[in-house]
Amino acid sequence: MLLLLLGIIVLHITVLVLLFVSTIVSQWLVNGEHTADLWQNCTSGTVFQCLTSSTNEWLQSVQAMMILSIIFSVL
């Protein structure tokens, strides 16, 4: 029983770490000179330029759900 409880605690801590890392990480998609993540799209040609990526409604809902999941997991 104690081993099962320890396994559940380790699993929850692992999920929390992955949640924080996936929200904070700055490069989800790397394609040559173009990088994209949850918050911005960047191009690194002759001039490094970043634009916000919150133009789509589904992306704004994903951003909101990621922030809410972090808040509720901390609580």
Protein backbone atom coordinates (compact mmCIF):
# COMPACT_ATOMS: atom_id res chain seq x y z
CA MET A 1 0.00 0.00 0.00
CA LEU A 2 2.84 2.35 0.86
CA LEU A 3 4.54 1.55 -2.45
CA LEU A 4 1.34 2.39 -4.34
CA LEU A 5 1.04 5.73 -2.52
CA LEU A 6 4.68 6.54 -3.27
CA GLY A 7 4.12 5.72 -6.95
CA ILE A 8 1.10 8.02 -7.11
CA ILE A 9 3.05 10.87 -5.47
CA VAL A 10 5.96 10.44 -7.91
CA LEU A 11 3.52 10.39 -10.84
CA HIS A 12 1.83 13.60 -9.67
CA ILE A 13 5.14 15.40 -9.21
CA THR A 14 6.24 14.28 -12.68
CA VAL A 15 3.02 15.59 -14.22
CA LEU A 16 3.42 18.94 -12.44
CA VAL A 17 6.99 19.33 -13.69
CA LEU A 18 5.93 18.48 -17.26
CA LEU A 19 3.04 20.95 -17.03
CA PHE A 20 5.33 23.79 -15.95
CA VAL A 21 7.95 22.93 -18.56
CA SER A 22 5.45 22.70 -21.41
CA THR A 23 3.95 26.07 -20.50
CA ILE A 24 7.24 27.90 -20.05
CA VAL A 25 9.38 26.38 -22.82
CA SER A 26 10.08 28.81 -25.63
CA GLN A 27 10.36 26.54 -28.68
CA TRP A 28 7.71 23.92 -29.37
CA LEU A 29 8.18 23.86 -33.13
CA VAL A 30 11.52 24.53 -34.82
CA ASN A 31 11.63 24.63 -38.61
CA GLY A 32 14.82 26.12 -40.03
CA GLU A 33 14.73 29.83 -39.28
CA HIS A 34 11.20 29.74 -37.84
CA THR A 35 10.33 28.85 -34.23
CA ALA A 36 6.86 28.73 -32.70
CA ASP A 37 5.51 28.17 -29.24
CA LEU A 38 2.38 28.83 -27.21
CA TRP A 39 3.04 32.55 -26.82
CA GLN A 40 4.95 33.82 -29.88
CA ASN A 41 6.22 33.02 -33.37
CA CYS A 42 9.79 34.04 -34.20
CA THR A 43 11.82 34.21 -37.39
CA SER A 44 15.60 34.48 -37.31
CA GLY A 45 16.59 35.48 -40.83
CA THR A 46 18.64 38.64 -41.26
CA VAL A 47 16.52 40.31 -38.56
CA PHE A 48 15.25 38.42 -35.51
CA GLN A 49 11.53 39.20 -35.25
CA CYS A 50 8.90 37.83 -32.87
CA LEU A 51 5.14 38.21 -33.17
CA THR A 52 2.48 37.15 -30.70
CA SER A 53 0.72 33.97 -31.68
CA SER A 54 -2.66 34.65 -30.06
CA THR A 55 -4.59 35.41 -33.26
CA ASN A 56 -6.60 32.18 -33.34
CA GLU A 57 -9.47 31.56 -30.94
CA TRP A 58 -8.39 27.96 -30.31
CA LEU A 59 -4.87 29.12 -29.41
CA GLN A 60 -6.23 31.68 -26.95
CA SER A 61 -8.32 28.95 -25.32
CA VAL A 62 -5.25 26.68 -25.08
CA GLN A 63 -3.30 29.52 -23.45
CA ALA A 64 -6.12 30.10 -20.96
CA MET A 65 -6.42 26.40 -20.13
CA MET A 66 -2.65 26.07 -19.57
CA ILE A 67 -2.65 29.02 -17.16
CA LEU A 68 -5.75 27.72 -15.35
CA SER A 69 -4.25 24.24 -15.06
CA ILE A 70 -1.13 25.69 -13.44
CA ILE A 71 -3.19 27.78 -11.02
CA PHE A 72 -5.40 24.84 -10.03
CA SER A 73 -2.49 22.44 -9.70
CA VAL A 74 -0.71 24.83 -7.31
CA LEU A 75 -3.87 25.14 -5.23
